[in-house]
Amino acid sequence: MSMNKNTVLAWATFIMLLMGFILIGLGMYRYADIAGWGFASVGVGFLANAWVFNALKGRV
């Protein structure tokens, strides 16, 4: 399987989306105290990074 730059960015976007949603879920359900805010904010950061990676596909 040949992976070009767009395929690598697509996989990176998928993995970052997955991790972002997992971290937000951990912040909502597992850590209901103040640590949950940290997990959720890092998850939102992962989603923002995934958005940037998705926008870079085809341009890099």
N, C-alpha and C. Protein backbone atom coordinates (compact mmCIF):
# COMPACT_ATOMS: atom_id res chain seq x y z
N MET A 1 0.84 -1.17 0.00
CA MET A 1 0.00 0.00 0.00
C MET A 1 0.89 1.23 0.00
N SER A 2 0.75 2.03 -1.01
CA SER A 2 1.54 3.25 -1.12
C SER A 2 0.82 4.40 -0.41
N MET A 3 1.54 5.03 0.49
CA MET A 3 0.95 6.15 1.22
C MET A 3 1.60 7.46 0.76
N ASN A 4 0.82 8.31 0.12
CA ASN A 4 1.33 9.61 -0.24
C ASN A 4 1.01 10.61 0.87
N LYS A 5 1.33 11.87 0.63
CA LYS A 5 1.16 12.86 1.70
C LYS A 5 -0.30 13.07 2.09
N ASN A 6 -1.22 12.95 1.13
CA ASN A 6 -2.63 13.13 1.47
C ASN A 6 -3.15 11.96 2.30
N THR A 7 -2.66 10.76 2.03
CA THR A 7 -3.09 9.61 2.83
C THR A 7 -2.57 9.72 4.26
N VAL A 8 -1.34 10.18 4.41
CA VAL A 8 -0.78 10.37 5.74
C VAL A 8 -1.57 11.42 6.51
N LEU A 9 -1.91 12.53 5.85
CA LEU A 9 -2.71 13.56 6.52
C LEU A 9 -4.11 13.06 6.85
N ALA A 10 -4.67 12.22 6.00
CA ALA A 10 -6.00 11.68 6.27
C ALA A 10 -5.96 10.77 7.50
N TRP A 11 -4.95 9.92 7.60
CA TRP A 11 -4.84 9.05 8.78
C TRP A 11 -4.56 9.87 10.04
N ALA A 12 -3.72 10.88 9.92
CA ALA A 12 -3.44 11.73 11.09
C ALA A 12 -4.70 12.46 11.53
N THR A 13 -5.50 12.92 10.59
CA THR A 13 -6.76 13.59 10.92
C THR A 13 -7.70 12.63 11.64
N PHE A 14 -7.81 11.41 11.12
CA PHE A 14 -8.70 10.42 11.74
C PHE A 14 -8.26 10.08 13.16
N ILE A 15 -6.96 9.87 13.34
CA ILE A 15 -6.46 9.52 14.67
C ILE A 15 -6.65 10.68 15.65
N MET A 16 -6.42 11.91 15.18
CA MET A 16 -6.59 13.05 16.07
C MET A 16 -8.05 13.28 16.41
N LEU A 17 -8.96 13.05 15.46
CA LEU A 17 -10.39 13.15 15.77
C LEU A 17 -10.78 12.12 16.81
N LEU A 18 -10.31 10.89 16.62
CA LEU A 18 -10.61 9.83 17.56
C LEU A 18 -10.10 10.17 18.96
N MET A 19 -8.87 10.59 19.06
CA MET A 19 -8.29 10.94 20.36
C MET A 19 -9.01 12.15 20.98
N GLY A 20 -9.38 13.12 20.15
CA GLY A 20 -10.11 14.28 20.67
C GLY A 20 -11.42 13.90 21.30
N PHE A 21 -12.18 13.04 20.60
CA PHE A 21 -13.47 12.61 21.16
C PHE A 21 -13.29 11.74 22.39
N ILE A 22 -12.24 10.91 22.41
CA ILE A 22 -11.97 10.10 23.60
C ILE A 22 -11.63 10.99 24.79
N LEU A 23 -10.80 12.00 24.57
CA LEU A 23 -10.43 12.89 25.68
C LEU A 23 -11.62 13.71 26.17
N ILE A 24 -12.47 14.16 25.26
CA ILE A 24 -13.67 14.89 25.69
C ILE A 24 -14.59 13.96 26.47
N GLY A 25 -14.72 12.72 26.01
CA GLY A 25 -15.54 11.75 26.74
C GLY A 25 -14.98 11.45 28.12
N LEU A 26 -13.66 11.33 28.22
CA LEU A 26 -13.05 11.12 29.54
C LEU A 26 -13.33 12.31 30.45
N GLY A 27 -13.23 13.50 29.91
CA GLY A 27 -13.50 14.69 30.72
C GLY A 27 -14.94 14.78 31.17
N MET A 28 -15.86 14.27 30.34
CA MET A 28 -17.28 14.36 30.70
C MET A 28 -17.70 13.26 31.66
N TYR A 29 -17.20 12.04 31.45
CA TYR A 29 -17.75 10.90 32.19
C TYR A 29 -16.82 10.34 33.26
N ARG A 30 -15.54 10.26 32.97
CA ARG A 30 -14.63 9.61 33.92
C ARG A 30 -14.16 10.58 35.00
N TYR A 31 -13.79 11.77 34.60
CA TYR A 31 -13.26 12.75 35.55
C TYR A 31 -14.25 13.91 35.64
N ALA A 32 -15.19 13.79 36.53
CA ALA A 32 -16.23 14.81 36.66
C ALA A 32 -15.77 16.00 37.49
N ASP A 33 -14.61 15.91 38.12
CA ASP A 33 -14.15 17.02 38.94
C ASP A 33 -13.38 18.01 38.06
N ILE A 34 -12.51 18.77 38.65
CA ILE A 34 -11.81 19.85 37.94
C ILE A 34 -10.85 19.30 36.89
N ALA A 35 -10.36 18.07 37.05
CA ALA A 35 -9.46 17.48 36.06
C ALA A 35 -10.18 17.24 34.74
N GLY A 36 -11.48 17.08 34.77
CA GLY A 36 -12.26 16.89 33.55
C GLY A 36 -12.18 18.08 32.62
N TRP A 37 -12.07 19.27 33.18
CA TRP A 37 -11.93 20.47 32.34
C TRP A 37 -10.64 20.41 31.53
N GLY A 38 -9.58 19.92 32.14
CA GLY A 38 -8.31 19.79 31.43
C GLY A 38 -8.39 18.78 30.31
N PHE A 39 -8.99 17.62 30.60
CA PHE A 39 -9.13 16.59 29.57
C PHE A 39 -9.98 17.11 28.41
N ALA A 40 -11.08 17.79 28.73
CA ALA A 40 -11.96 18.29 27.68
C ALA A 40 -11.29 19.38 26.85
N SER A 41 -10.52 20.26 27.48
CA SER A 41 -9.86 21.32 26.72
C SER A 41 -8.76 20.76 25.82
N VAL A 42 -8.05 19.75 26.29
CA VAL A 42 -7.04 19.11 25.43
C VAL A 42 -7.74 18.39 24.27
N GLY A 43 -8.89 17.79 24.52
CA GLY A 43 -9.66 17.16 23.45
C GLY A 43 -10.11 18.15 22.40
N VAL A 44 -10.53 19.33 22.83
CA VAL A 44 -10.91 20.38 21.87
C VAL A 44 -9.70 20.82 21.07
N GLY A 45 -8.53 20.87 21.70
CA GLY A 45 -7.30 21.20 20.98
C GLY A 45 -6.97 20.16 19.93
N PHE A 46 -7.19 18.88 20.25
CA PHE A 46 -6.98 17.82 19.26
C PHE A 46 -7.93 17.99 18.08
N LEU A 47 -9.19 18.35 18.36
CA LEU A 47 -10.14 18.56 17.27
C LEU A 47 -9.73 19.74 16.39
N ALA A 48 -9.21 20.80 17.00
CA ALA A 48 -8.76 21.94 16.22
C ALA A 48 -7.56 21.57 15.34
N ASN A 49 -6.64 20.79 15.89
CA ASN A 49 -5.50 20.33 15.10
C ASN A 49 -5.94 19.43 13.95
N ALA A 50 -6.91 18.57 14.20
CA ALA A 50 -7.43 17.70 13.15
C ALA A 50 -8.07 18.52 12.04
N TRP A 51 -8.73 19.60 12.41
CA TRP A 51 -9.34 20.49 11.42
C TRP A 51 -8.27 21.10 10.52
N VAL A 52 -7.17 21.52 11.11
CA VAL A 52 -6.06 22.09 10.34
C VAL A 52 -5.46 21.03 9.43
N PHE A 53 -5.25 19.82 9.93
CA PHE A 53 -4.70 18.76 9.08
C PHE A 53 -5.63 18.46 7.92
N ASN A 54 -6.93 18.46 8.16
CA ASN A 54 -7.89 18.21 7.10
C ASN A 54 -7.83 19.33 6.05
N ALA A 55 -7.63 20.56 6.49
CA ALA A 55 -7.55 21.68 5.55
C ALA A 55 -6.26 21.63 4.73
N LEU A 56 -5.23 20.99 5.25
CA LEU A 56 -3.95 20.92 4.53
C LEU A 56 -3.94 19.87 3.44
N LYS A 57 -4.88 18.93 3.47
CA LYS A 57 -4.88 17.87 2.46
C LYS A 57 -5.02 18.51 1.07
N GLY A 58 -4.13 18.12 0.16
CA GLY A 58 -4.16 18.63 -1.20
C GLY A 58 -3.37 19.91 -1.39
N ARG A 59 -2.95 20.56 -0.31
CA ARG A 59 -2.21 21.82 -0.42
C ARG A 59 -0.74 21.68 -0.10
N VAL A 60 -0.39 20.62 0.59
CA VAL A 60 1.02 20.46 1.01
C VAL A 60 1.77 19.70 -0.06
